[in-house]
Amino acid sequence: MLQKRSYYSFLIIGIVFFALFFVKCQTNGHQITVLESVSSPSDNPISAEKISFGKKLFFDKRLSRDESISCATCHVPAFAFTDRKKVSEGVNGGKTERNAPTLLNAGFLKTMMFDAHLTSLEMQAIVPIQEHVEMDMKMKELIKRLRLVDEYQEAAKRIYNREVDAFVITRSIAAFERSLLSQNSHFDSYYYKKNKNALTKDEIAGWKIFSEELYCTKCHPAPGFTNYVAENNGLYLNYGQDKGRFRIFNDSMDIGKFKVPSLRNVELTYPYMHDGSLASLDAIFSHYENGGAKHPLQSKIIQPFTLTKKQKKQLKLFLFSLTDTTYMKDFR
């Protein structure tokens, strides 16, 4: 009996390990290798049909008041689902306060938005739709509009056994976003798949600078290259109108705190920071070399350092090794 129990325990551990690391995951009709699997909430188990429906909604400009923009307007697949603008633009040229973050690997996020206050992709999906400077669409009006689309009504009834409504819209978009995986970079081949030839000597040197010589992994640890929390990185001495997480909870200790972004595909997601104020990685390096702007609530982790020209080149090459565009198979 003990031998059987040990066998089954070993088998279960093996299955769990396999599910979490380098499993083959069927997404959007093709196989991709992922480092860890994406879990979904109990009220929205993921399925191919939901992903397909959510993808159609994501690219549908009817979700905006004047039918001029879609979710994909600010989250362009070729730009790692960002828009390469300092801040995003909505209907009638409206300007948001924030830079559009990547949606790749969004299924791993603990919280959504730069304020790190929403707890699910389903909740997040509502925000840009109803936000006045973004899509500016009242949910009641959107539901009426989309119920006129036979294809959407049929899909809603088939998948959810209900007509198109806010539940259907948000669950479908969230399911699509959870399918957006990017974990097949050269770094992943080197570090996780143990392919020692996947990185060049300079890229490996850059990884060592990033992980051993500097404090980068304190906020950007592998595999997600984010710690998923809001931090004050000392971008400004005075944060002006946008004080970050403070605006949600009115806690003075939250002034200047914004959620740490993932560095995966950082080569594609410029400009950087919550407001798109830093245009290049060189500008990022300078900011951290100087030790930040010395805001009173700035993270104590951030301290000045010096890098040579060669080290900066190596660090940049390592960061470029985090680029993975295999997800683009479904968006060409």
Protein backbone atom coordinates (compact mmCIF):
# COMPACT_ATOMS: atom_id res chain seq x y z
CA MET A 1 0.00 0.00 0.00
CA LEU A 2 2.84 2.37 0.86
CA GLN A 3 4.47 1.67 -2.48
CA LYS A 4 1.21 2.47 -4.32
CA ARG A 5 0.75 5.66 -2.32
CA SER A 6 4.31 6.77 -3.06
CA TYR A 7 3.81 5.98 -6.72
CA TYR A 8 0.63 8.05 -6.97
CA SER A 9 2.18 10.90 -4.99
CA PHE A 10 5.12 10.94 -7.38
CA LEU A 11 2.76 10.79 -10.35
CA ILE A 12 0.71 13.76 -9.08
CA ILE A 13 3.84 15.83 -8.43
CA GLY A 14 5.07 15.02 -11.92
CA ILE A 15 1.78 16.07 -13.50
CA VAL A 16 1.73 19.36 -11.59
CA PHE A 17 5.34 20.09 -12.54
CA PHE A 18 4.62 19.33 -16.16
CA ALA A 19 1.57 21.60 -16.11
CA LEU A 20 3.54 24.52 -14.73
CA PHE A 21 6.73 24.35 -16.75
CA PHE A 22 7.13 23.99 -20.50
CA VAL A 23 3.75 22.46 -21.17
CA LYS A 24 2.24 22.50 -24.60
CA CYS A 25 -0.78 24.75 -24.52
CA GLN A 26 -3.39 24.86 -27.27
CA THR A 27 -4.20 28.52 -27.91
CA ASN A 28 -5.92 30.16 -30.85
CA GLY A 29 -5.49 27.05 -33.00
CA HIS A 30 -1.74 26.50 -32.68
CA GLN A 31 0.65 25.03 -30.16
CA ILE A 32 2.99 27.23 -28.20
CA THR A 33 5.39 26.37 -25.43
CA VAL A 34 4.81 28.20 -22.16
CA LEU A 35 6.78 28.36 -18.94
CA GLU A 36 3.70 28.20 -16.76
CA SER A 37 0.02 27.71 -17.47
CA VAL A 38 -2.58 30.44 -17.11
CA SER A 39 -5.38 29.82 -14.64
CA SER A 40 -8.84 31.29 -15.11
CA PRO A 41 -11.50 32.24 -12.54
CA SER A 42 -14.21 29.73 -11.64
CA ASP A 43 -16.90 31.86 -13.27
CA ASN A 44 -14.99 32.09 -16.54
CA PRO A 45 -13.23 28.83 -17.45
CA ILE A 46 -11.24 29.38 -20.62
CA SER A 47 -12.28 27.75 -23.90
CA ALA A 48 -11.40 28.08 -27.57
CA GLU A 49 -14.89 29.43 -28.32
CA LYS A 50 -14.59 32.17 -25.71
CA ILE A 51 -11.16 33.14 -26.98
CA SER A 52 -12.45 33.36 -30.55
CA PHE A 53 -15.46 35.44 -29.51
CA GLY A 54 -13.31 37.70 -27.34
CA LYS A 55 -10.87 38.25 -30.20
CA LYS A 56 -13.69 39.48 -32.44
CA LEU A 57 -14.88 41.88 -29.74
CA PHE A 58 -11.32 43.08 -29.13
CA PHE A 59 -10.95 44.20 -32.75
CA ASP A 60 -14.52 45.54 -33.13
CA LYS A 61 -14.76 49.34 -33.35
CA ARG A 62 -18.45 49.15 -32.48
CA LEU A 63 -17.35 49.00 -28.87
CA SER A 64 -16.61 52.75 -29.01
CA ARG A 65 -19.23 55.48 -29.03
CA ASP A 66 -18.51 56.76 -32.55
CA GLU A 67 -17.22 53.39 -33.82
CA SER A 68 -13.78 54.89 -34.46
CA ILE A 69 -11.59 52.78 -32.17
CA SER A 70 -11.38 49.26 -30.80
CA CYS A 71 -9.37 47.71 -27.99
CA ALA A 72 -6.73 46.95 -30.61
CA THR A 73 -6.32 50.66 -31.38
CA CYS A 74 -4.39 51.10 -28.14
CA HIS A 75 -3.12 47.52 -27.98
CA VAL A 76 -1.61 46.79 -31.38
CA PRO A 77 -0.42 43.16 -31.79
CA ALA A 78 2.73 44.10 -33.75
CA PHE A 79 3.79 46.43 -30.92
CA ALA A 80 3.41 43.72 -28.25
CA PHE A 81 -0.14 44.99 -27.70
CA THR A 82 0.89 48.58 -26.94
CA ASP A 83 0.45 51.63 -29.20
CA ARG A 84 3.90 53.27 -29.02
CA LYS A 85 2.38 56.58 -27.97
CA LYS A 86 3.25 58.49 -24.82
CA VAL A 87 -0.38 58.27 -23.76
CA SER A 88 -3.22 56.61 -25.61
CA GLU A 89 -5.86 58.41 -27.66
CA GLY A 90 -9.59 57.76 -27.48
CA VAL A 91 -12.67 58.97 -29.35
CA ASN A 92 -12.55 62.52 -30.71
CA GLY A 93 -8.81 62.70 -30.03
CA GLY A 94 -9.24 62.39 -26.28
CA LYS A 95 -6.00 61.82 -24.37
CA THR A 96 -5.62 59.39 -21.52
CA GLU A 97 -3.27 60.02 -18.60
CA ARG A 98 -1.37 56.79 -19.04
CA ASN A 99 0.79 54.86 -21.46
CA ALA A 100 -0.85 51.68 -22.81
CA PRO A 101 0.75 48.62 -21.18
CA THR A 102 1.35 45.36 -23.01
CA LEU A 103 -1.38 42.73 -22.76
CA LEU A 104 0.99 39.84 -23.41
CA ASN A 105 1.01 37.45 -20.44
CA ALA A 106 -1.83 39.45 -18.86
CA GLY A 107 -3.24 36.17 -17.57
CA PHE A 108 -0.50 36.09 -14.93
CA LEU A 109 -1.27 39.54 -13.51
CA LYS A 110 -2.34 39.67 -9.88
CA THR A 111 -3.89 43.11 -10.33
CA MET A 112 -4.79 45.28 -13.29
CA MET A 113 -4.12 48.91 -14.24
CA PHE A 114 -1.10 51.02 -13.24
CA ASP A 115 -2.82 51.67 -9.90
CA ALA A 116 -2.84 47.91 -9.21
CA HIS A 117 -6.35 48.06 -7.80
CA LEU A 118 -8.55 45.88 -10.01
CA THR A 119 -8.36 42.18 -9.30
CA SER A 120 -9.44 40.58 -12.58
CA LEU A 121 -9.25 41.02 -16.34
CA GLU A 122 -13.05 40.83 -16.37
CA MET A 123 -13.24 43.97 -14.23
CA GLN A 124 -10.56 45.71 -16.25
CA ALA A 125 -12.39 45.16 -19.54
CA ILE A 126 -15.18 47.50 -18.45
CA VAL A 127 -12.91 50.47 -17.78
CA PRO A 128 -11.77 51.54 -21.28
CA ILE A 129 -15.22 50.88 -22.73
CA GLN A 130 -16.92 53.35 -20.38
CA GLU A 131 -14.03 55.78 -19.81
CA HIS A 132 -14.94 59.15 -21.43
CA VAL A 133 -11.51 59.81 -22.93
CA GLU A 134 -11.20 56.29 -24.29
CA MET A 135 -14.16 54.45 -25.87
CA ASP A 136 -16.83 56.55 -24.11
CA MET A 137 -19.54 53.91 -24.48
CA LYS A 138 -22.32 53.38 -21.97
CA MET A 139 -22.68 49.68 -21.28
CA LYS A 140 -26.46 49.73 -21.77
CA GLU A 141 -26.05 51.30 -25.20
CA LEU A 142 -23.28 48.89 -26.13
CA ILE A 143 -25.41 45.89 -25.21
CA LYS A 144 -28.23 47.16 -27.42
CA ARG A 145 -25.79 47.72 -30.29
CA LEU A 146 -24.15 44.31 -30.08
CA ARG A 147 -27.43 42.44 -29.74
CA LEU A 148 -28.16 43.56 -33.29
CA VAL A 149 -25.18 41.52 -34.47
CA ASP A 150 -26.57 38.05 -35.20
CA GLU A 151 -23.16 36.40 -35.00
CA TYR A 152 -22.60 37.78 -31.49
CA GLN A 153 -26.06 36.83 -30.27
CA GLU A 154 -25.61 33.30 -31.55
CA ALA A 155 -22.20 33.00 -29.91
CA ALA A 156 -23.49 34.36 -26.59
CA LYS A 157 -26.33 31.85 -26.50
CA ARG A 158 -24.13 28.95 -27.57
CA ILE A 159 -21.28 29.67 -25.13
CA TYR A 160 -23.06 31.28 -22.18
CA ASN A 161 -26.71 30.36 -22.71
CA ARG A 162 -27.71 34.03 -22.54
CA GLU A 163 -27.99 37.08 -24.77
CA VAL A 164 -25.13 39.50 -25.22
CA ASP A 165 -24.72 41.47 -22.01
CA ALA A 166 -21.94 42.89 -19.81
CA PHE A 167 -21.13 39.42 -18.46
CA VAL A 168 -20.69 37.99 -21.96
CA ILE A 169 -18.64 40.95 -23.20
CA THR A 170 -16.22 41.10 -20.27
CA ARG A 171 -15.78 37.32 -19.94
CA SER A 172 -15.05 36.91 -23.64
CA ILE A 173 -12.53 39.76 -23.84
CA ALA A 174 -10.83 38.50 -20.66
CA ALA A 175 -10.61 34.97 -22.10
CA PHE A 176 -8.96 36.33 -25.24
CA GLU A 177 -6.48 38.37 -23.22
CA ARG A 178 -5.54 35.28 -21.17
CA SER A 179 -4.63 33.54 -24.42
CA LEU A 180 -1.97 36.15 -25.25
CA LEU A 181 1.22 34.38 -24.24
CA SER A 182 4.80 35.35 -25.02
CA GLN A 183 7.33 33.08 -23.32
CA ASN A 184 9.47 31.76 -26.15
CA SER A 185 12.29 34.29 -26.17
CA HIS A 186 15.96 33.51 -26.66
CA PHE A 187 16.40 34.07 -22.93
CA ASP A 188 13.77 31.43 -22.19
CA SER A 189 15.62 28.96 -24.40
CA TYR A 190 18.87 29.74 -22.57
CA TYR A 191 17.64 29.92 -18.98
CA TYR A 192 14.74 27.47 -18.82
CA LYS A 193 15.38 25.08 -21.69
CA LYS A 194 19.11 25.01 -20.86
CA ASN A 195 20.18 25.78 -24.41
CA LYS A 196 23.56 27.37 -23.73
CA ASN A 197 23.89 28.53 -27.32
CA ALA A 198 20.64 30.52 -27.26
CA LEU A 199 22.37 33.69 -26.01
CA THR A 200 25.56 35.38 -27.12
CA LYS A 201 28.38 36.14 -24.69
CA ASP A 202 27.31 39.78 -24.52
CA GLU A 203 23.68 38.83 -23.82
CA ILE A 204 24.80 36.50 -21.02
CA ALA A 205 27.01 39.26 -19.62
CA GLY A 206 23.98 41.59 -19.72
CA TRP A 207 21.90 39.04 -17.81
CA LYS A 208 24.60 38.84 -15.13
CA ILE A 209 24.68 42.64 -14.85
CA PHE A 210 20.88 42.65 -14.58
CA SER A 211 20.59 39.82 -12.05
CA GLU A 212 23.83 39.89 -10.07
CA GLU A 213 25.51 43.30 -10.25
CA LEU A 214 22.48 45.60 -10.13
CA TYR A 215 19.20 45.45 -8.20
CA CYS A 216 16.97 44.93 -11.26
CA THR A 217 15.58 41.56 -10.19
CA LYS A 218 14.23 43.08 -6.97
CA CYS A 219 11.38 44.51 -9.05
CA HIS A 220 11.79 42.54 -12.30
CA PRO A 221 12.39 38.89 -11.36
CA ALA A 222 12.08 36.06 -13.88
CA PRO A 223 9.98 34.53 -15.30
CA GLY A 224 7.50 37.43 -15.51
CA PHE A 225 10.15 40.13 -15.11
CA THR A 226 7.81 42.02 -12.79
CA ASN A 227 6.99 41.70 -9.11
CA TYR A 228 3.36 42.60 -9.95
CA VAL A 229 3.11 45.33 -7.30
CA ALA A 230 2.95 49.12 -7.30
CA GLU A 231 6.22 50.90 -6.50
CA ASN A 232 7.51 54.47 -6.43
CA ASN A 233 10.54 54.37 -8.73
CA GLY A 234 11.42 58.02 -8.22
CA LEU A 235 10.44 59.08 -11.71
CA TYR A 236 9.58 62.58 -10.43
CA LEU A 237 10.33 64.69 -7.40
CA ASN A 238 6.81 66.09 -7.79
CA TYR A 239 4.21 63.83 -9.41
CA GLY A 240 1.84 66.67 -10.26
CA GLN A 241 -1.70 65.73 -11.26
CA ASP A 242 -1.19 61.97 -11.62
CA LYS A 243 -0.06 60.71 -8.25
CA GLY A 244 -0.56 57.08 -9.09
CA ARG A 245 -2.20 54.64 -6.67
CA PHE A 246 -2.90 57.56 -4.32
CA ARG A 247 -5.88 58.56 -6.44
CA ILE A 248 -7.62 55.25 -5.69
CA PHE A 249 -7.29 54.98 -1.92
CA ASN A 250 -6.20 58.52 -0.91
CA ASP A 251 -3.37 57.03 1.11
CA SER A 252 -0.48 59.49 1.14
CA MET A 253 1.97 56.58 1.25
CA ASP A 254 0.77 55.60 -2.24
CA ILE A 255 1.86 58.84 -3.90
CA GLY A 256 4.00 58.05 -6.93
CA LYS A 257 3.29 54.33 -6.84
CA PHE A 258 2.59 52.66 -10.18
CA LYS A 259 2.52 48.96 -10.95
CA VAL A 260 5.89 47.58 -12.07
CA PRO A 261 5.62 46.62 -15.77
CA SER A 262 6.98 43.42 -17.23
CA LEU A 263 10.21 43.77 -19.19
CA ARG A 264 9.26 41.01 -21.60
CA ASN A 265 9.22 42.45 -25.12
CA VAL A 266 10.58 45.74 -23.77
CA GLU A 267 12.31 46.20 -27.12
CA LEU A 268 8.86 46.69 -28.67
CA THR A 269 6.94 48.58 -25.98
CA TYR A 270 8.52 52.03 -26.02
CA PRO A 271 8.02 54.75 -24.87
CA TYR A 272 8.37 53.78 -21.22
CA MET A 273 7.01 54.59 -17.76
CA HIS A 274 3.37 55.08 -16.80
CA ASP A 275 3.20 58.34 -18.76
CA GLY A 276 5.46 57.40 -21.67
CA SER A 277 7.91 60.10 -20.61
CA LEU A 278 11.09 58.10 -21.30
CA ALA A 279 11.54 57.37 -24.99
CA SER A 280 14.38 54.85 -24.94
CA LEU A 281 16.21 52.26 -22.87
CA ASP A 282 19.15 54.67 -22.69
CA ALA A 283 16.85 57.14 -20.93
CA ILE A 284 15.79 54.36 -18.56
CA PHE A 285 19.41 53.54 -17.78
CA SER A 286 20.17 57.20 -17.05
CA HIS A 287 17.21 57.49 -14.70
CA TYR A 288 18.32 54.54 -12.60
CA GLU A 289 22.03 55.36 -12.81
CA ASN A 290 21.18 58.69 -11.18
CA GLY A 291 19.30 56.88 -8.44
CA GLY A 292 15.93 58.33 -9.41
CA ALA A 293 14.63 61.83 -8.72
CA LYS A 294 14.86 61.31 -4.93
CA HIS A 295 11.13 61.53 -4.21
CA PRO A 296 10.54 61.16 -0.42
CA LEU A 297 8.57 57.92 -0.99
CA GLN A 298 10.93 56.52 -3.62
CA SER A 299 11.72 52.82 -3.14
CA LYS A 300 14.83 52.32 -1.01
CA ILE A 301 15.95 49.68 -3.50
CA ILE A 302 16.83 52.35 -6.05
CA GLN A 303 20.39 53.54 -5.55
CA PRO A 304 22.83 55.25 -7.93
CA PHE A 305 25.27 53.12 -9.93
CA THR A 306 27.66 53.48 -12.83
CA LEU A 307 27.81 51.44 -16.01
CA THR A 308 30.42 51.59 -18.72
CA LYS A 309 29.42 52.03 -22.35
CA LYS A 310 30.12 48.34 -22.94
CA GLN A 311 28.01 47.29 -19.96
CA LYS A 312 25.09 49.38 -21.17
CA LYS A 313 25.33 47.70 -24.56
CA GLN A 314 25.39 44.27 -22.91
CA LEU A 315 22.45 45.12 -20.66
CA LYS A 316 20.45 46.32 -23.64
CA LEU A 317 21.28 43.16 -25.61
CA PHE A 318 20.05 41.04 -22.70
CA LEU A 319 16.79 42.99 -22.56
CA PHE A 320 16.36 42.49 -26.31
CA SER A 321 16.78 38.75 -25.71
CA LEU A 322 13.40 38.89 -23.90
CA THR A 323 11.66 39.66 -27.19
CA ASP A 324 9.31 36.93 -28.41
CA THR A 325 6.86 37.49 -31.24
CA THR A 326 5.68 33.91 -31.78
CA TYR A 327 2.24 35.13 -30.67
CA MET A 328 2.04 37.04 -33.98
CA LYS A 329 1.16 33.81 -35.80
CA ASP A 330 -2.47 34.62 -35.09
CA PHE A 331 -2.34 38.30 -36.05
CA ARG A 332 -0.73 38.45 -39.49
